[in-house]
Amino acid sequence: MLQLKRYGWLCVLGGEVAYFICIAGGYLPLRTARGVELHHSFFETLPGFVWGNAASVILGAVYVFVFAWIFAWYMVWMHNTSLVEKNG
């Protein structure tokens, strides 16, 4: 059985690391202009996110934190309930 607390914090860690790697990738000029535009428009789907604004980067990190816990809760619930054996 999965433990929500442990699995939740692992999801948060993975989500936040991926988020900040993606934020850093948005500022690196390693792609075409169209690729950078697509990358920026993807992040702007987060409510209140604006490129170049530190407060919106923190707000995005809060969104990732909340979404990671929702994902963790759902995955732990699905995993643990599928392991229950019904006697009868």
PDB file of N, CA and C in Angstrom:
ATOM      1  N   MET A   1       0.839  -1.184   0.000  1.00  0.00           N
ATOM      2  CA  MET A   1       0.000   0.000   0.000  1.00  0.00           C
ATOM      3  C   MET A   1       0.883   1.247   0.000  1.00  0.00           C
ATOM      4  N   LEU A   2       0.464   2.226  -0.767  1.00  0.00           N
ATOM      5  CA  LEU A   2       1.189   3.484  -0.816  1.00  0.00           C
ATOM      6  C   LEU A   2       0.779   4.365   0.357  1.00  0.00           C
ATOM      7  N   GLN A   3       1.717   5.161   0.831  1.00  0.00           N
ATOM      8  CA  GLN A   3       1.444   6.122   1.893  1.00  0.00           C
ATOM      9  C   GLN A   3       1.302   7.498   1.255  1.00  0.00           C
ATOM     10  N   LEU A   4       0.192   8.156   1.528  1.00  0.00           N
ATOM     11  CA  LEU A   4      -0.093   9.440   0.893  1.00  0.00           C
ATOM     12  C   LEU A   4       0.980  10.476   1.204  1.00  0.00           C
ATOM     13  N   LYS A   5       1.409  10.550   2.444  1.00  0.00           N
ATOM     14  CA  LYS A   5       2.377  11.585   2.827  1.00  0.00           C
ATOM     15  C   LYS A   5       3.690  11.434   2.049  1.00  0.00           C
ATOM     16  N   ARG A   6       4.214  10.233   1.998  1.00  0.00           N
ATOM     17  CA  ARG A   6       5.484  10.007   1.308  1.00  0.00           C
ATOM     18  C   ARG A   6       5.319  10.208  -0.197  1.00  0.00           C
ATOM     19  N   TYR A   7       4.296   9.597  -0.784  1.00  0.00           N
ATOM     20  CA  TYR A   7       4.067   9.706  -2.222  1.00  0.00           C
ATOM     21  C   TYR A   7       3.764  11.157  -2.620  1.00  0.00           C
ATOM     22  N   GLY A   8       3.009  11.862  -1.785  1.00  0.00           N
ATOM     23  CA  GLY A   8       2.686  13.262  -2.071  1.00  0.00           C
ATOM     24  C   GLY A   8       3.918  14.138  -2.119  1.00  0.00           C
ATOM     25  N   TRP A   9       4.811  13.977  -1.148  1.00  0.00           N
ATOM     26  CA  TRP A   9       6.022  14.799  -1.145  1.00  0.00           C
ATOM     27  C   TRP A   9       6.952  14.440  -2.292  1.00  0.00           C
ATOM     28  N   LEU A  10       6.976  13.173  -2.697  1.00  0.00           N
ATOM     29  CA  LEU A  10       7.776  12.797  -3.863  1.00  0.00           C
ATOM     30  C   LEU A  10       7.201  13.409  -5.140  1.00  0.00           C
ATOM     31  N   CYS A  11       5.877  13.451  -5.252  1.00  0.00           N
ATOM     32  CA  CYS A  11       5.245  14.103  -6.403  1.00  0.00           C
ATOM     33  C   CYS A  11       5.539  15.600  -6.416  1.00  0.00           C
ATOM     34  N   VAL A  12       5.503  16.227  -5.248  1.00  0.00           N
ATOM     35  CA  VAL A  12       5.803  17.660  -5.160  1.00  0.00           C
ATOM     36  C   VAL A  12       7.255  17.910  -5.571  1.00  0.00           C
ATOM     37  N   LEU A  13       8.172  17.094  -5.066  1.00  0.00           N
ATOM     38  CA  LEU A  13       9.584  17.265  -5.422  1.00  0.00           C
ATOM     39  C   LEU A  13       9.785  17.131  -6.926  1.00  0.00           C
ATOM     40  N   GLY A  14       9.236  16.079  -7.505  1.00  0.00           N
ATOM     41  CA  GLY A  14       9.379  15.888  -8.951  1.00  0.00           C
ATOM     42  C   GLY A  14       8.725  16.994  -9.751  1.00  0.00           C
ATOM     43  N   GLY A  15       7.550  17.422  -9.331  1.00  0.00           N
ATOM     44  CA  GLY A  15       6.846  18.489 -10.041  1.00  0.00           C
ATOM     45  C   GLY A  15       7.572  19.816  -9.978  1.00  0.00           C
ATOM     46  N   GLU A  16       8.084  20.155  -8.810  1.00  0.00           N
ATOM     47  CA  GLU A  16       8.791  21.431  -8.669  1.00  0.00           C
ATOM     48  C   GLU A  16      10.112  21.436  -9.430  1.00  0.00           C
ATOM     49  N   VAL A  17      10.841  20.322  -9.399  1.00  0.00           N
ATOM     50  CA  VAL A  17      12.096  20.241 -10.160  1.00  0.00           C
ATOM     51  C   VAL A  17      11.807  20.396 -11.652  1.00  0.00           C
ATOM     52  N   ALA A  18      10.804  19.674 -12.150  1.00  0.00           N
ATOM     53  CA  ALA A  18      10.437  19.779 -13.564  1.00  0.00           C
ATOM     54  C   ALA A  18       9.970  21.197 -13.907  1.00  0.00           C
ATOM     55  N   TYR A  19       9.212  21.809 -13.013  1.00  0.00           N
ATOM     56  CA  TYR A  19       8.722  23.176 -13.245  1.00  0.00           C
ATOM     57  C   TYR A  19       9.880  24.154 -13.399  1.00  0.00           C
ATOM     58  N   PHE A  20      10.849  24.096 -12.495  1.00  0.00           N
ATOM     59  CA  PHE A  20      11.946  25.055 -12.569  1.00  0.00           C
ATOM     60  C   PHE A  20      12.906  24.761 -13.711  1.00  0.00           C
ATOM     61  N   ILE A  21      13.036  23.500 -14.099  1.00  0.00           N
ATOM     62  CA  ILE A  21      13.829  23.194 -15.295  1.00  0.00           C
ATOM     63  C   ILE A  21      13.138  23.758 -16.531  1.00  0.00           C
ATOM     64  N   CYS A  22      11.830  23.633 -16.585  1.00  0.00           N
ATOM     65  CA  CYS A  22      11.079  24.184 -17.715  1.00  0.00           C
ATOM     66  C   CYS A  22      11.105  25.713 -17.727  1.00  0.00           C
ATOM     67  N   ILE A  23      11.040  26.331 -16.554  1.00  0.00           N
ATOM     68  CA  ILE A  23      11.155  27.796 -16.487  1.00  0.00           C
ATOM     69  C   ILE A  23      12.519  28.232 -17.005  1.00  0.00           C
ATOM     70  N   ALA A  24      13.570  27.536 -16.555  1.00  0.00           N
ATOM     71  CA  ALA A  24      14.925  27.869 -17.029  1.00  0.00           C
ATOM     72  C   ALA A  24      15.025  27.662 -18.536  1.00  0.00           C
ATOM     73  N   GLY A  25      14.398  26.605 -19.047  1.00  0.00           N
ATOM     74  CA  GLY A  25      14.409  26.361 -20.481  1.00  0.00           C
ATOM     75  C   GLY A  25      13.699  27.432 -21.280  1.00  0.00           C
ATOM     76  N   GLY A  26      12.755  28.109 -20.669  1.00  0.00           N
ATOM     77  CA  GLY A  26      12.060  29.196 -21.352  1.00  0.00           C
ATOM     78  C   GLY A  26      12.924  30.424 -21.556  1.00  0.00           C
ATOM     79  N   TYR A  27      13.974  30.555 -20.755  1.00  0.00           N
ATOM     80  CA  TYR A  27      14.860  31.705 -20.883  1.00  0.00           C
ATOM     81  C   TYR A  27      16.113  31.406 -21.691  1.00  0.00           C
ATOM     82  N   LEU A  28      16.368  30.128 -21.999  1.00  0.00           N
ATOM     83  CA  LEU A  28      17.556  29.770 -22.770  1.00  0.00           C
ATOM     84  C   LEU A  28      17.250  29.821 -24.262  1.00  0.00           C
ATOM     85  N   PRO A  29      18.121  30.446 -25.039  1.00  0.00           N
ATOM     86  CA  PRO A  29      17.864  30.581 -26.491  1.00  0.00           C
ATOM     87  C   PRO A  29      18.356  29.357 -27.275  1.00  0.00           C
ATOM     88  N   LEU A  30      17.830  28.183 -26.943  1.00  0.00           N
ATOM     89  CA  LEU A  30      18.281  26.958 -27.605  1.00  0.00           C
ATOM     90  C   LEU A  30      17.316  26.482 -28.685  1.00  0.00           C
ATOM     91  N   ARG A  31      16.255  27.224 -28.916  1.00  0.00           N
ATOM     92  CA  ARG A  31      15.243  26.832 -29.888  1.00  0.00           C
ATOM     93  C   ARG A  31      14.976  27.940 -30.879  1.00  0.00           C
ATOM     94  N   THR A  32      14.131  27.615 -31.842  1.00  0.00           N
ATOM     95  CA  THR A  32      13.699  28.628 -32.796  1.00  0.00           C
ATOM     96  C   THR A  32      12.755  29.603 -32.094  1.00  0.00           C
ATOM     97  N   ALA A  33      12.487  30.695 -32.749  1.00  0.00           N
ATOM     98  CA  ALA A  33      11.574  31.690 -32.179  1.00  0.00           C
ATOM     99  C   ALA A  33      10.185  31.094 -31.990  1.00  0.00           C
ATOM    100  N   ARG A  34       9.765  30.242 -32.906  1.00  0.00           N
ATOM    101  CA  ARG A  34       8.444  29.601 -32.784  1.00  0.00           C
ATOM    102  C   ARG A  34       8.412  28.650 -31.583  1.00  0.00           C
ATOM    103  N   GLY A  35       9.520  27.946 -31.340  1.00  0.00           N
ATOM    104  CA  GLY A  35       9.597  27.050 -30.191  1.00  0.00           C
ATOM    105  C   GLY A  35       9.516  27.804 -28.878  1.00  0.00           C
ATOM    106  N   VAL A  36      10.208  28.932 -28.799  1.00  0.00           N
ATOM    107  CA  VAL A  36      10.165  29.752 -27.590  1.00  0.00           C
ATOM    108  C   VAL A  36       8.766  30.322 -27.391  1.00  0.00           C
ATOM    109  N   GLU A  37       8.145  30.751 -28.468  1.00  0.00           N
ATOM    110  CA  GLU A  37       6.776  31.282 -28.376  1.00  0.00           C
ATOM    111  C   GLU A  37       5.812  30.211 -27.878  1.00  0.00           C
ATOM    112  N   LEU A  38       5.938  28.993 -28.379  1.00  0.00           N
ATOM    113  CA  LEU A  38       5.087  27.901 -27.935  1.00  0.00           C
ATOM    114  C   LEU A  38       5.330  27.577 -26.460  1.00  0.00           C
ATOM    115  N   HIS A  39       6.593  27.575 -26.050  1.00  0.00           N
ATOM    116  CA  HIS A  39       6.954  27.322 -24.657  1.00  0.00           C
ATOM    117  C   HIS A  39       6.329  28.382 -23.744  1.00  0.00           C
ATOM    118  N   HIS A  40       6.437  29.628 -24.135  1.00  0.00           N
ATOM    119  CA  HIS A  40       5.878  30.715 -23.328  1.00  0.00           C
ATOM    120  C   HIS A  40       4.356  30.630 -23.271  1.00  0.00           C
ATOM    121  N   SER A  41       3.719  30.332 -24.396  1.00  0.00           N
ATOM    122  CA  SER A  41       2.256  30.265 -24.383  1.00  0.00           C
ATOM    123  C   SER A  41       1.761  29.081 -23.549  1.00  0.00           C
ATOM    124  N   PHE A  42       2.536  28.000 -23.479  1.00  0.00           N
ATOM    125  CA  PHE A  42       2.157  26.862 -22.638  1.00  0.00           C
ATOM    126  C   PHE A  42       2.124  27.277 -21.171  1.00  0.00           C
ATOM    127  N   PHE A  43       3.139  28.001 -20.712  1.00  0.00           N
ATOM    128  CA  PHE A  43       3.174  28.416 -19.315  1.00  0.00           C
ATOM    129  C   PHE A  43       2.132  29.474 -19.003  1.00  0.00           C
ATOM    130  N   GLU A  44       1.764  30.249 -19.990  1.00  0.00           N
ATOM    131  CA  GLU A  44       0.768  31.283 -19.755  1.00  0.00           C
ATOM    132  C   GLU A  44      -0.639  30.717 -19.600  1.00  0.00           C
ATOM    133  N   THR A  45      -0.812  29.400 -19.746  1.00  0.00           N
ATOM    134  CA  THR A  45      -2.109  28.793 -19.444  1.00  0.00           C
ATOM    135  C   THR A  45      -2.337  28.711 -17.940  1.00  0.00           C
ATOM    136  N   LEU A  46      -1.273  28.832 -17.135  1.00  0.00           N
ATOM    137  CA  LEU A  46      -1.441  28.916 -15.686  1.00  0.00           C
ATOM    138  C   LEU A  46      -2.051  30.285 -15.361  1.00  0.00           C
ATOM    139  N   PRO A  47      -3.138  30.323 -14.611  1.00  0.00           N
ATOM    140  CA  PRO A  47      -3.780  31.605 -14.303  1.00  0.00           C
ATOM    141  C   PRO A  47      -2.821  32.552 -13.582  1.00  0.00           C
ATOM    142  N   GLY A  48      -2.678  33.744 -14.097  1.00  0.00           N
ATOM    143  CA  GLY A  48      -1.856  34.761 -13.463  1.00  0.00           C
ATOM    144  C   GLY A  48      -0.387  34.692 -13.805  1.00  0.00           C
ATOM    145  N   PHE A  49       0.040  33.768 -14.669  1.00  0.00           N
ATOM    146  CA  PHE A  49       1.464  33.636 -14.988  1.00  0.00           C
ATOM    147  C   PHE A  49       1.851  34.637 -16.058  1.00  0.00           C
ATOM    148  N   VAL A  50       2.937  35.387 -15.784  1.00  0.00           N
ATOM    149  CA  VAL A  50       3.487  36.347 -16.728  1.00  0.00           C
ATOM    150  C   VAL A  50       4.993  36.135 -16.754  1.00  0.00           C
ATOM    151  N   TRP A  51       5.576  36.015 -17.944  1.00  0.00           N
ATOM    152  CA  TRP A  51       7.019  35.807 -18.052  1.00  0.00           C
ATOM    153  C   TRP A  51       7.774  37.025 -17.546  1.00  0.00           C
ATOM    154  N   GLY A  52       8.840  36.796 -16.817  1.00  0.00           N
ATOM    155  CA  GLY A  52       9.678  37.873 -16.306  1.00  0.00           C
ATOM    156  C   GLY A  52       9.198  38.451 -14.992  1.00  0.00           C
ATOM    157  N   ASN A  53       8.180  37.907 -14.414  1.00  0.00           N
ATOM    158  CA  ASN A  53       7.624  38.404 -13.166  1.00  0.00           C
ATOM    159  C   ASN A  53       7.877  37.352 -12.083  1.00  0.00           C
ATOM    160  N   ALA A  54       8.664  37.702 -11.066  1.00  0.00           N
ATOM    161  CA  ALA A  54       9.027  36.750 -10.014  1.00  0.00           C
ATOM    162  C   ALA A  54       7.805  36.273  -9.233  1.00  0.00           C
ATOM    163  N   ALA A  55       6.849  37.156  -9.016  1.00  0.00           N
ATOM    164  CA  ALA A  55       5.644  36.763  -8.271  1.00  0.00           C
ATOM    165  C   ALA A  55       4.852  35.709  -9.030  1.00  0.00           C
ATOM    166  N   SER A  56       4.801  35.815 -10.342  1.00  0.00           N
ATOM    167  CA  SER A  56       4.052  34.819 -11.102  1.00  0.00           C
ATOM    168  C   SER A  56       4.795  33.488 -11.164  1.00  0.00           C
ATOM    169  N   VAL A  57       6.115  33.495 -11.114  1.00  0.00           N
ATOM    170  CA  VAL A  57       6.878  32.249 -11.049  1.00  0.00           C
ATOM    171  C   VAL A  57       6.593  31.542  -9.723  1.00  0.00           C
ATOM    172  N   ILE A  58       6.527  32.298  -8.641  1.00  0.00           N
ATOM    173  CA  ILE A  58       6.195  31.722  -7.331  1.00  0.00           C
ATOM    174  C   ILE A  58       4.750  31.207  -7.339  1.00  0.00           C
ATOM    175  N   LEU A  59       3.845  31.970  -7.942  1.00  0.00           N
ATOM    176  CA  LEU A  59       2.458  31.523  -8.053  1.00  0.00           C
ATOM    177  C   LEU A  59       2.372  30.218  -8.847  1.00  0.00           C
ATOM    178  N   GLY A  60       3.145  30.100  -9.913  1.00  0.00           N
ATOM    179  CA  GLY A  60       3.190  28.864 -10.685  1.00  0.00           C
ATOM    180  C   GLY A  60       3.701  27.700  -9.853  1.00  0.00           C
ATOM    181  N   ALA A  61       4.695  27.963  -8.999  1.00  0.00           N
ATOM    182  CA  ALA A  61       5.211  26.916  -8.115  1.00  0.00           C
ATOM    183  C   ALA A  61       4.142  26.475  -7.117  1.00  0.00           C
ATOM    184  N   VAL A  62       3.328  27.410  -6.662  1.00  0.00           N
ATOM    185  CA  VAL A  62       2.225  27.065  -5.758  1.00  0.00           C
ATOM    186  C   VAL A  62       1.200  26.196  -6.493  1.00  0.00           C
ATOM    187  N   TYR A  63       0.897  26.544  -7.740  1.00  0.00           N
ATOM    188  CA  TYR A  63      -0.017  25.722  -8.540  1.00  0.00           C
ATOM    189  C   TYR A  63       0.527  24.309  -8.700  1.00  0.00           C
ATOM    190  N   VAL A  64       1.815  24.182  -8.997  1.00  0.00           N
ATOM    191  CA  VAL A  64       2.421  22.861  -9.157  1.00  0.00           C
ATOM    192  C   VAL A  64       2.320  22.085  -7.849  1.00  0.00           C
ATOM    193  N   PHE A  65       2.551  22.745  -6.724  1.00  0.00           N
ATOM    194  CA  PHE A  65       2.442  22.107  -5.415  1.00  0.00           C
ATOM    195  C   PHE A  65       1.034  21.542  -5.202  1.00  0.00           C
ATOM    196  N   VAL A  66       0.033  22.365  -5.468  1.00  0.00           N
ATOM    197  CA  VAL A  66      -1.364  21.944  -5.266  1.00  0.00           C
ATOM    198  C   VAL A  66      -1.728  20.818  -6.228  1.00  0.00           C
ATOM    199  N   PHE A  67      -1.370  20.957  -7.506  1.00  0.00           N
ATOM    200  CA  PHE A  67      -1.688  19.920  -8.484  1.00  0.00           C
ATOM    201  C   PHE A  67      -0.969  18.614  -8.165  1.00  0.00           C
ATOM    202  N   ALA A  68       0.255  18.686  -7.647  1.00  0.00           N
ATOM    203  CA  ALA A  68       0.997  17.476  -7.286  1.00  0.00           C
ATOM    204  C   ALA A  68       0.301  16.741  -6.149  1.00  0.00           C
ATOM    205  N   TRP A  69      -0.207  17.472  -5.159  1.00  0.00           N
ATOM    206  CA  TRP A  69      -0.917  16.822  -4.060  1.00  0.00           C
ATOM    207  C   TRP A  69      -2.242  16.218  -4.521  1.00  0.00           C
ATOM    208  N   ILE A  70      -2.943  16.882  -5.426  1.00  0.00           N
ATOM    209  CA  ILE A  70      -4.174  16.319  -5.969  1.00  0.00           C
ATOM    210  C   ILE A  70      -3.866  15.043  -6.743  1.00  0.00           C
ATOM    211  N   PHE A  71      -2.833  15.082  -7.566  1.00  0.00           N
ATOM    212  CA  PHE A  71      -2.418  13.902  -8.313  1.00  0.00           C
ATOM    213  C   PHE A  71      -2.017  12.776  -7.363  1.00  0.00           C
ATOM    214  N   ALA A  72      -1.253  13.102  -6.326  1.00  0.00           N
ATOM    215  CA  ALA A  72      -0.807  12.089  -5.361  1.00  0.00           C
ATOM    216  C   ALA A  72      -1.997  11.464  -4.647  1.00  0.00           C
ATOM    217  N   TRP A  73      -2.933  12.286  -4.223  1.00  0.00           N
ATOM    218  CA  TRP A  73      -4.109  11.749  -3.535  1.00  0.00           C
ATOM    219  C   TRP A  73      -4.854  10.778  -4.440  1.00  0.00           C
ATOM    220  N   TYR A  74      -5.058  11.151  -5.684  1.00  0.00           N
ATOM    221  CA  TYR A  74      -5.795  10.308  -6.617  1.00  0.00           C
ATOM    222  C   TYR A  74      -5.042   9.006  -6.897  1.00  0.00           C
ATOM    223  N   MET A  75      -3.745   9.088  -7.131  1.00  0.00           N
ATOM    224  CA  MET A  75      -2.969   7.883  -7.432  1.00  0.00           C
ATOM    225  C   MET A  75      -2.909   6.936  -6.238  1.00  0.00           C
ATOM    226  N   VAL A  76      -2.720   7.475  -5.041  1.00  0.00           N
ATOM    227  CA  VAL A  76      -2.689   6.629  -3.850  1.00  0.00           C
ATOM    228  C   VAL A  76      -4.048   5.984  -3.634  1.00  0.00           C
ATOM    229  N   TRP A  77      -5.102   6.729  -3.798  1.00  0.00           N
ATOM    230  CA  TRP A  77      -6.450   6.181  -3.647  1.00  0.00           C
ATOM    231  C   TRP A  77      -6.700   5.073  -4.670  1.00  0.00           C
ATOM    232  N   MET A  78      -6.358   5.319  -5.943  1.00  0.00           N
ATOM    233  CA  MET A  78      -6.566   4.307  -6.978  1.00  0.00           C
ATOM    234  C   MET A  78      -5.721   3.065  -6.709  1.00  0.00           C
ATOM    235  N   HIS A  79      -4.468   3.257  -6.340  1.00  0.00           N
ATOM    236  CA  HIS A  79      -3.575   2.128  -6.090  1.00  0.00           C
ATOM    237  C   HIS A  79      -4.044   1.316  -4.889  1.00  0.00           C
ATOM    238  N   ASN A  80      -4.329   1.994  -3.790  1.00  0.00           N
ATOM    239  CA  ASN A  80      -4.700   1.279  -2.577  1.00  0.00           C
ATOM    240  C   ASN A  80      -6.063   0.597  -2.675  1.00  0.00           C
ATOM    241  N   THR A  81      -7.022   1.216  -3.341  1.00  0.00           N
ATOM    242  CA  THR A  81      -8.332   0.565  -3.459  1.00  0.00           C
ATOM    243  C   THR A  81      -8.291  -0.598  -4.442  1.00  0.00           C
ATOM    244  N   SER A  82      -7.376  -0.586  -5.394  1.00  0.00           N
ATOM    245  CA  SER A  82      -7.299  -1.714  -6.325  1.00  0.00           C
ATOM    246  C   SER A  82      -6.634  -2.921  -5.696  1.00  0.00           C
ATOM    247  N   LEU A  83      -5.950  -2.741  -4.554  1.00  0.00           N
ATOM    248  CA  LEU A  83      -5.303  -3.855  -3.876  1.00  0.00           C
ATOM    249  C   LEU A  83      -6.198  -4.535  -2.862  1.00  0.00           C
ATOM    250  N   VAL A  84      -7.351  -3.954  -2.588  1.00  0.00           N
ATOM    251  CA  VAL A  84      -8.258  -4.522  -1.579  1.00  0.00           C
ATOM    252  C   VAL A  84      -8.856  -5.805  -2.127  1.00  0.00           C
ATOM    253  N   GLU A  85      -8.723  -6.877  -1.338  1.00  0.00           N
ATOM    254  CA  GLU A  85      -9.305  -8.147  -1.746  1.00  0.00           C
ATOM    255  C   GLU A  85     -10.697  -8.281  -1.121  1.00  0.00           C
ATOM    256  N   LYS A  86     -11.650  -8.664  -1.931  1.00  0.00           N
ATOM    257  CA  LYS A  86     -13.021  -8.825  -1.437  1.00  0.00           C
ATOM    258  C   LYS A  86     -13.215 -10.284  -1.050  1.00  0.00           C
ATOM    259  N   ASN A  87     -13.628 -10.481   0.167  1.00  0.00           N
ATOM    260  CA  ASN A  87     -13.914 -11.842   0.654  1.00  0.00           C
ATOM    261  C   ASN A  87     -15.375 -12.155   0.376  1.00  0.00           C
ATOM    262  N   GLY A  88     -15.599 -13.312  -0.143  1.00  0.00           N
ATOM    263  CA  GLY A  88     -17.001 -13.606  -0.350  1.00  0.00           C
ATOM    264  C   GLY A  88     -17.220 -14.570  -1.376  1.00  0.00           C
TER     265      GLY A  88
END
